[in-house]
PDB file of all heavy atoms in Angstrom:
ATOM      1  N   ALA A   1       0.862  -1.190   0.001  1.00  0.00           N
ATOM      2  CA  ALA A   1      -0.039  -0.004  -0.038  1.00  0.00           C
ATOM      3  C   ALA A   1       0.870   1.247   0.046  1.00  0.00           C
ATOM      4  O   ALA A   1       2.003   1.263   0.607  1.00  0.00           O
ATOM      5  CB  ALA A   1      -0.929   0.021   1.244  1.00  0.00           C
ATOM      6  N   ASP A   2       0.412   2.295  -0.658  1.00  0.00           N
ATOM      7  CA  ASP A   2       1.240   3.474  -0.787  1.00  0.00           C
ATOM      8  C   ASP A   2       1.659   4.058   0.582  1.00  0.00           C
ATOM      9  O   ASP A   2       2.836   4.470   0.690  1.00  0.00           O
ATOM     10  CB  ASP A   2       0.498   4.544  -1.589  1.00  0.00           C
ATOM     11  CG  ASP A   2       0.354   4.247  -3.023  1.00  0.00           C
ATOM     12  OD1 ASP A   2       1.090   3.400  -3.514  1.00  0.00           O
ATOM     13  OD2 ASP A   2      -0.465   4.884  -3.725  1.00  0.00           O
ATOM     14  N   SER A   3       0.865   4.018   1.538  1.00  0.00           N
ATOM     15  CA  SER A   3       1.159   4.574   2.790  1.00  0.00           C
ATOM     16  C   SER A   3       2.213   3.757   3.598  1.00  0.00           C
ATOM     17  O   SER A   3       2.770   4.256   4.539  1.00  0.00           O
ATOM     18  CB  SER A   3      -0.100   4.726   3.689  1.00  0.00           C
ATOM     19  OG  SER A   3      -0.686   3.435   3.955  1.00  0.00           O
ATOM     20  N   MET A   4       2.467   2.497   3.142  1.00  0.00           N
ATOM     21  CA  MET A   4       3.425   1.726   3.811  1.00  0.00           C
ATOM     22  C   MET A   4       4.783   1.725   3.124  1.00  0.00           C
ATOM     23  O   MET A   4       5.760   1.219   3.756  1.00  0.00           O
ATOM     24  CB  MET A   4       2.961   0.232   3.832  1.00  0.00           C
ATOM     25  CG  MET A   4       1.512   0.029   4.125  1.00  0.00           C
ATOM     26  SD  MET A   4       0.964   0.805   5.673  1.00  0.00           S
ATOM     27  CE  MET A   4      -0.833   0.509   5.467  1.00  0.00           C
ATOM     28  N   LYS A   5       4.870   2.165   1.934  1.00  0.00           N
ATOM     29  CA  LYS A   5       6.088   2.172   1.176  1.00  0.00           C
ATOM     30  C   LYS A   5       7.197   2.945   1.932  1.00  0.00           C
ATOM     31  O   LYS A   5       7.000   4.077   2.358  1.00  0.00           O
ATOM     32  CB  LYS A   5       5.865   2.689  -0.236  1.00  0.00           C
ATOM     33  CG  LYS A   5       5.013   1.812  -1.087  1.00  0.00           C
ATOM     34  CD  LYS A   5       4.837   2.434  -2.481  1.00  0.00           C
ATOM     35  CE  LYS A   5       4.018   1.538  -3.373  1.00  0.00           C
ATOM     36  NZ  LYS A   5       3.815   2.106  -4.700  1.00  0.00           N
ATOM     37  N   GLY A   6       8.393   2.301   2.059  1.00  0.00           N
ATOM     38  CA  GLY A   6       9.498   2.998   2.679  1.00  0.00           C
ATOM     39  C   GLY A   6       9.468   2.770   4.213  1.00  0.00           C
ATOM     40  O   GLY A   6      10.526   3.069   4.829  1.00  0.00           O
ATOM     41  N   ARG A   7       8.413   2.282   4.826  1.00  0.00           N
ATOM     42  CA  ARG A   7       8.347   2.070   6.151  1.00  0.00           C
ATOM     43  C   ARG A   7       8.215   0.572   6.541  1.00  0.00           C
ATOM     44  O   ARG A   7       8.791   0.088   7.582  1.00  0.00           O
ATOM     45  CB  ARG A   7       7.176   2.833   6.831  1.00  0.00           C
ATOM     46  CG  ARG A   7       7.248   4.360   6.719  1.00  0.00           C
ATOM     47  CD  ARG A   7       6.261   4.995   7.661  1.00  0.00           C
ATOM     48  NE  ARG A   7       4.895   4.598   7.318  1.00  0.00           N
ATOM     49  CZ  ARG A   7       4.023   4.162   8.180  1.00  0.00           C
ATOM     50  NH1 ARG A   7       4.402   3.940   9.510  1.00  0.00           N
ATOM     51  NH2 ARG A   7       2.802   3.763   7.857  1.00  0.00           N
ATOM     52  N   PHE A   8       7.375  -0.138   5.790  1.00  0.00           N
ATOM     53  CA  PHE A   8       7.163  -1.546   6.066  1.00  0.00           C
ATOM     54  C   PHE A   8       7.841  -2.429   5.013  1.00  0.00           C
ATOM     55  O   PHE A   8       7.896  -2.034   3.829  1.00  0.00           O
ATOM     56  CB  PHE A   8       5.578  -1.867   5.958  1.00  0.00           C
ATOM     57  CG  PHE A   8       4.842  -1.187   7.080  1.00  0.00           C
ATOM     58  CD1 PHE A   8       5.355  -0.316   8.006  1.00  0.00           C
ATOM     59  CD2 PHE A   8       3.565  -1.562   7.215  1.00  0.00           C
ATOM     60  CE1 PHE A   8       4.633   0.199   9.036  1.00  0.00           C
ATOM     61  CE2 PHE A   8       2.722  -1.053   8.271  1.00  0.00           C
ATOM     62  CZ  PHE A   8       3.298  -0.123   9.164  1.00  0.00           C
ATOM     63  N   THR A   9       8.283  -3.602   5.394  1.00  0.00           N
ATOM     64  CA  THR A   9       8.904  -4.560   4.603  1.00  0.00           C
ATOM     65  C   THR A   9       8.331  -5.954   4.769  1.00  0.00           C
ATOM     66  O   THR A   9       8.366  -6.372   5.910  1.00  0.00           O
ATOM     67  CB  THR A   9      10.474  -4.552   4.708  1.00  0.00           C
ATOM     68  OG1 THR A   9      10.960  -3.296   4.520  1.00  0.00           O
ATOM     69  CG2 THR A   9      11.074  -5.557   3.703  1.00  0.00           C
ATOM     70  N   ILE A  10       7.833  -6.499   3.739  1.00  0.00           N
ATOM     71  CA  ILE A  10       7.304  -7.923   3.811  1.00  0.00           C
ATOM     72  C   ILE A  10       8.354  -8.912   3.344  1.00  0.00           C
ATOM     73  O   ILE A  10       9.082  -8.623   2.349  1.00  0.00           O
ATOM     74  CB  ILE A  10       5.968  -7.962   3.011  1.00  0.00           C
ATOM     75  CG1 ILE A  10       5.290  -9.351   3.363  1.00  0.00           C
ATOM     76  CG2 ILE A  10       6.162  -7.774   1.518  1.00  0.00           C
ATOM     77  CD1 ILE A  10       3.855  -9.399   2.783  1.00  0.00           C
ATOM     78  N   SER A  11       8.429 -10.076   3.992  1.00  0.00           N
ATOM     79  CA  SER A  11       9.376 -11.022   3.555  1.00  0.00           C
ATOM     80  C   SER A  11       8.912 -12.386   3.948  1.00  0.00           C
ATOM     81  O   SER A  11       7.940 -12.571   4.633  1.00  0.00           O
ATOM     82  CB  SER A  11      10.731 -10.776   4.162  1.00  0.00           C
ATOM     83  OG  SER A  11      10.677 -10.819   5.600  1.00  0.00           O
ATOM     84  N   THR A  12       9.610 -13.424   3.489  1.00  0.00           N
ATOM     85  CA  THR A  12       9.292 -14.820   3.786  1.00  0.00           C
ATOM     86  C   THR A  12      10.519 -15.575   4.161  1.00  0.00           C
ATOM     87  O   THR A  12      11.681 -15.235   3.655  1.00  0.00           O
ATOM     88  CB  THR A  12       8.539 -15.554   2.590  1.00  0.00           C
ATOM     89  OG1 THR A  12       9.380 -15.525   1.480  1.00  0.00           O
ATOM     90  CG2 THR A  12       7.212 -14.866   2.281  1.00  0.00           C
ATOM     91  N   ASP A  13      10.427 -16.596   4.899  1.00  0.00           N
ATOM     92  CA  ASP A  13      11.442 -17.623   5.141  1.00  0.00           C
ATOM     93  C   ASP A  13      10.800 -19.027   4.857  1.00  0.00           C
ATOM     94  O   ASP A  13      10.160 -19.551   5.729  1.00  0.00           O
ATOM     95  CB  ASP A  13      11.946 -17.520   6.549  1.00  0.00           C
ATOM     96  CG  ASP A  13      13.131 -18.454   6.775  1.00  0.00           C
ATOM     97  OD1 ASP A  13      13.337 -19.455   5.995  1.00  0.00           O
ATOM     98  OD2 ASP A  13      13.869 -18.206   7.706  1.00  0.00           O
ATOM     99  N   ASN A  14      10.935 -19.406   3.587  1.00  0.00           N
ATOM    100  CA  ASN A  14      10.218 -20.620   3.178  1.00  0.00           C
ATOM    101  C   ASN A  14      10.698 -21.843   3.943  1.00  0.00           C
ATOM    102  O   ASN A  14       9.929 -22.775   4.200  1.00  0.00           O
ATOM    103  CB  ASN A  14      10.443 -20.863   1.699  1.00  0.00           C
ATOM    104  CG  ASN A  14       9.653 -19.925   0.857  1.00  0.00           C
ATOM    105  OD1 ASN A  14       8.663 -19.281   1.271  1.00  0.00           O
ATOM    106  ND2 ASN A  14      10.024 -19.778  -0.375  1.00  0.00           N
ATOM    107  N   ALA A  15      11.972 -21.882   4.403  1.00  0.00           N
ATOM    108  CA  ALA A  15      12.487 -22.968   5.178  1.00  0.00           C
ATOM    109  C   ALA A  15      11.717 -23.130   6.522  1.00  0.00           C
ATOM    110  O   ALA A  15      11.541 -24.176   7.064  1.00  0.00           O
ATOM    111  CB  ALA A  15      13.991 -22.871   5.417  1.00  0.00           C
ATOM    112  N   LYS A  16      11.304 -22.012   7.064  1.00  0.00           N
ATOM    113  CA  LYS A  16      10.550 -22.033   8.318  1.00  0.00           C
ATOM    114  C   LYS A  16       9.068 -21.896   8.120  1.00  0.00           C
ATOM    115  O   LYS A  16       8.261 -21.837   9.060  1.00  0.00           O
ATOM    116  CB  LYS A  16      11.050 -20.858   9.194  1.00  0.00           C
ATOM    117  CG  LYS A  16      12.528 -20.957   9.627  1.00  0.00           C
ATOM    118  CD  LYS A  16      12.853 -19.850  10.547  1.00  0.00           C
ATOM    119  CE  LYS A  16      14.300 -20.030  11.033  1.00  0.00           C
ATOM    120  NZ  LYS A  16      14.727 -18.915  11.944  1.00  0.00           N
ATOM    121  N   ASN A  17       8.612 -21.812   6.843  1.00  0.00           N
ATOM    122  CA  ASN A  17       7.230 -21.649   6.540  1.00  0.00           C
ATOM    123  C   ASN A  17       6.604 -20.400   7.222  1.00  0.00           C
ATOM    124  O   ASN A  17       5.472 -20.546   7.809  1.00  0.00           O
ATOM    125  CB  ASN A  17       6.421 -22.925   6.802  1.00  0.00           C
ATOM    126  CG  ASN A  17       5.414 -23.216   5.802  1.00  0.00           C
ATOM    127  OD1 ASN A  17       5.366 -22.765   4.670  1.00  0.00           O
ATOM    128  ND2 ASN A  17       4.378 -24.067   6.165  1.00  0.00           N
ATOM    129  N   THR A  18       7.306 -19.356   7.265  1.00  0.00           N
ATOM    130  CA  THR A  18       6.940 -18.195   8.028  1.00  0.00           C
ATOM    131  C   THR A  18       7.144 -16.912   7.204  1.00  0.00           C
ATOM    132  O   THR A  18       8.023 -16.749   6.412  1.00  0.00           O
ATOM    133  CB  THR A  18       7.822 -18.124   9.338  1.00  0.00           C
ATOM    134  OG1 THR A  18       7.575 -19.162  10.119  1.00  0.00           O
ATOM    135  CG2 THR A  18       7.425 -16.842  10.062  1.00  0.00           C
ATOM    136  N   GLY A  19       6.162 -16.058   7.359  1.00  0.00           N
ATOM    137  CA  GLY A  19       6.266 -14.669   6.698  1.00  0.00           C
ATOM    138  C   GLY A  19       6.420 -13.673   7.770  1.00  0.00           C
ATOM    139  O   GLY A  19       6.065 -13.872   8.919  1.00  0.00           O
ATOM    140  N   TYR A  20       6.891 -12.499   7.340  1.00  0.00           N
ATOM    141  CA  TYR A  20       7.211 -11.442   8.263  1.00  0.00           C
ATOM    142  C   TYR A  20       6.722 -10.094   7.722  1.00  0.00           C
ATOM    143  O   TYR A  20       6.688  -9.900   6.490  1.00  0.00           O
ATOM    144  CB  TYR A  20       8.712 -11.351   8.509  1.00  0.00           C
ATOM    145  CG  TYR A  20       9.321 -12.626   9.041  1.00  0.00           C
ATOM    146  CD1 TYR A  20       9.908 -13.490   8.181  1.00  0.00           C
ATOM    147  CD2 TYR A  20       9.276 -12.922  10.430  1.00  0.00           C
ATOM    148  CE1 TYR A  20      10.460 -14.637   8.695  1.00  0.00           C
ATOM    149  CE2 TYR A  20       9.826 -14.124  10.900  1.00  0.00           C
ATOM    150  CZ  TYR A  20      10.478 -14.987  10.001  1.00  0.00           C
ATOM    151  OH  TYR A  20      10.976 -16.130  10.530  1.00  0.00           O
ATOM    152  N   LEU A  21       6.430  -9.162   8.659  1.00  0.00           N
ATOM    153  CA  LEU A  21       6.173  -7.786   8.300  1.00  0.00           C
ATOM    154  C   LEU A  21       7.004  -6.943   9.220  1.00  0.00           C
ATOM    155  O   LEU A  21       6.755  -6.836  10.432  1.00  0.00           O
ATOM    156  CB  LEU A  21       4.660  -7.460   8.359  1.00  0.00           C
ATOM    157  CG  LEU A  21       4.284  -6.029   7.992  1.00  0.00           C
ATOM    158  CD1 LEU A  21       4.500  -5.836   6.517  1.00  0.00           C
ATOM    159  CD2 LEU A  21       2.886  -5.623   8.465  1.00  0.00           C
ATOM    160  N   GLN A  22       8.040  -6.355   8.704  1.00  0.00           N
ATOM    161  CA  GLN A  22       8.937  -5.503   9.457  1.00  0.00           C
ATOM    162  C   GLN A  22       8.289  -4.071   9.380  1.00  0.00           C
ATOM    163  O   GLN A  22       8.171  -3.529   8.246  1.00  0.00           O
ATOM    164  CB  GLN A  22      10.347  -5.422   8.922  1.00  0.00           C
ATOM    165  CG  GLN A  22      11.222  -4.507   9.639  1.00  0.00           C
ATOM    166  CD  GLN A  22      11.541  -4.894  11.099  1.00  0.00           C
ATOM    167  OE1 GLN A  22      11.796  -6.075  11.345  1.00  0.00           O
ATOM    168  NE2 GLN A  22      11.429  -3.884  12.025  1.00  0.00           N
ATOM    169  N   MET A  23       8.029  -3.435  10.472  1.00  0.00           N
ATOM    170  CA  MET A  23       7.327  -2.199  10.517  1.00  0.00           C
ATOM    171  C   MET A  23       8.252  -1.226  11.188  1.00  0.00           C
ATOM    172  O   MET A  23       8.614  -1.380  12.399  1.00  0.00           O
ATOM    173  CB  MET A  23       5.972  -2.282  11.245  1.00  0.00           C
ATOM    174  CG  MET A  23       5.049  -3.244  10.652  1.00  0.00           C
ATOM    175  SD  MET A  23       3.401  -3.257  11.436  1.00  0.00           S
ATOM    176  CE  MET A  23       3.832  -3.733  13.108  1.00  0.00           C
ATOM    177  N   ASN A  24       8.697  -0.191  10.473  1.00  0.00           N
ATOM    178  CA  ASN A  24       9.526   0.902  11.032  1.00  0.00           C
ATOM    179  C   ASN A  24       8.785   2.216  10.936  1.00  0.00           C
ATOM    180  O   ASN A  24       7.849   2.336  10.264  1.00  0.00           O
ATOM    181  CB  ASN A  24      10.854   0.954  10.203  1.00  0.00           C
ATOM    182  CG  ASN A  24      11.711  -0.288  10.322  1.00  0.00           C
ATOM    183  OD1 ASN A  24      11.665  -1.008  11.331  1.00  0.00           O
ATOM    184  ND2 ASN A  24      12.356  -0.588   9.191  1.00  0.00           N
ATOM    185  N   SER A  25       9.303   3.213  11.722  1.00  0.00           N
ATOM    186  CA  SER A  25       8.796   4.508  11.794  1.00  0.00           C
ATOM    187  C   SER A  25       7.281   4.490  11.994  1.00  0.00           C
ATOM    188  O   SER A  25       6.524   5.119  11.316  1.00  0.00           O
ATOM    189  CB  SER A  25       9.069   5.260  10.459  1.00  0.00           C
ATOM    190  OG  SER A  25      10.487   5.353  10.207  1.00  0.00           O
ATOM    191  N   LEU A  26       6.877   3.774  12.956  1.00  0.00           N
ATOM    192  CA  LEU A  26       5.471   3.581  13.267  1.00  0.00           C
ATOM    193  C   LEU A  26       4.807   4.870  13.697  1.00  0.00           C
ATOM    194  O   LEU A  26       5.397   5.667  14.377  1.00  0.00           O
ATOM    195  CB  LEU A  26       5.325   2.508  14.272  1.00  0.00           C
ATOM    196  CG  LEU A  26       5.438   1.055  13.773  1.00  0.00           C
ATOM    197  CD1 LEU A  26       5.664   0.097  14.847  1.00  0.00           C
ATOM    198  CD2 LEU A  26       4.293   0.647  12.910  1.00  0.00           C
ATOM    199  N   LYS A  27       3.536   5.025  13.263  1.00  0.00           N
ATOM    200  CA  LYS A  27       2.789   6.158  13.609  1.00  0.00           C
ATOM    201  C   LYS A  27       1.556   5.778  14.347  1.00  0.00           C
ATOM    202  O   LYS A  27       1.048   4.603  14.244  1.00  0.00           O
ATOM    203  CB  LYS A  27       2.335   6.905  12.319  1.00  0.00           C
ATOM    204  CG  LYS A  27       3.490   7.225  11.359  1.00  0.00           C
ATOM    205  CD  LYS A  27       2.935   7.812  10.064  1.00  0.00           C
ATOM    206  CE  LYS A  27       4.090   8.096   9.101  1.00  0.00           C
ATOM    207  NZ  LYS A  27       3.602   8.563   7.751  1.00  0.00           N
ATOM    208  N   PRO A  28       0.905   6.631  15.171  1.00  0.00           N
ATOM    209  CA  PRO A  28      -0.264   6.280  15.835  1.00  0.00           C
ATOM    210  C   PRO A  28      -1.405   5.756  14.907  1.00  0.00           C
ATOM    211  O   PRO A  28      -2.186   4.890  15.330  1.00  0.00           O
ATOM    212  CB  PRO A  28      -0.695   7.593  16.522  1.00  0.00           C
ATOM    213  CG  PRO A  28       0.609   8.303  16.753  1.00  0.00           C
ATOM    214  CD  PRO A  28       1.419   7.982  15.536  1.00  0.00           C
ATOM    215  N   GLU A  29      -1.476   6.284  13.693  1.00  0.00           N
ATOM    216  CA  GLU A  29      -2.476   5.738  12.773  1.00  0.00           C
ATOM    217  C   GLU A  29      -2.229   4.359  12.332  1.00  0.00           C
ATOM    218  O   GLU A  29      -3.104   3.812  11.608  1.00  0.00           O
ATOM    219  CB  GLU A  29      -2.603   6.744  11.599  1.00  0.00           C
ATOM    220  CG  GLU A  29      -1.316   7.050  10.837  1.00  0.00           C
ATOM    221  CD  GLU A  29      -0.674   8.426  11.409  1.00  0.00           C
ATOM    222  OE1 GLU A  29      -0.714   8.653  12.618  1.00  0.00           O
ATOM    223  OE2 GLU A  29      -0.202   9.154  10.533  1.00  0.00           O
ATOM    224  N   ASP A  30      -1.073   3.801  12.629  1.00  0.00           N
ATOM    225  CA  ASP A  30      -0.884   2.378  12.303  1.00  0.00           C
ATOM    226  C   ASP A  30      -1.460   1.486  13.340  1.00  0.00           C
ATOM    227  O   ASP A  30      -1.440   0.248  13.174  1.00  0.00           O
ATOM    228  CB  ASP A  30       0.668   2.124  12.297  1.00  0.00           C
ATOM    229  CG  ASP A  30       1.433   2.856  11.129  1.00  0.00           C
ATOM    230  OD1 ASP A  30       0.844   2.867  10.006  1.00  0.00           O
ATOM    231  OD2 ASP A  30       2.502   3.331  11.366  1.00  0.00           O
TER     232      ASP A  30
END
């Protein structure tokens, strides 16, 4: 989503069958 670009990063670790959402520069509206 446009509002997340540059702040959030989505990734996967297929070996662990796990996905991640790294959230930086968090705002109250998050």
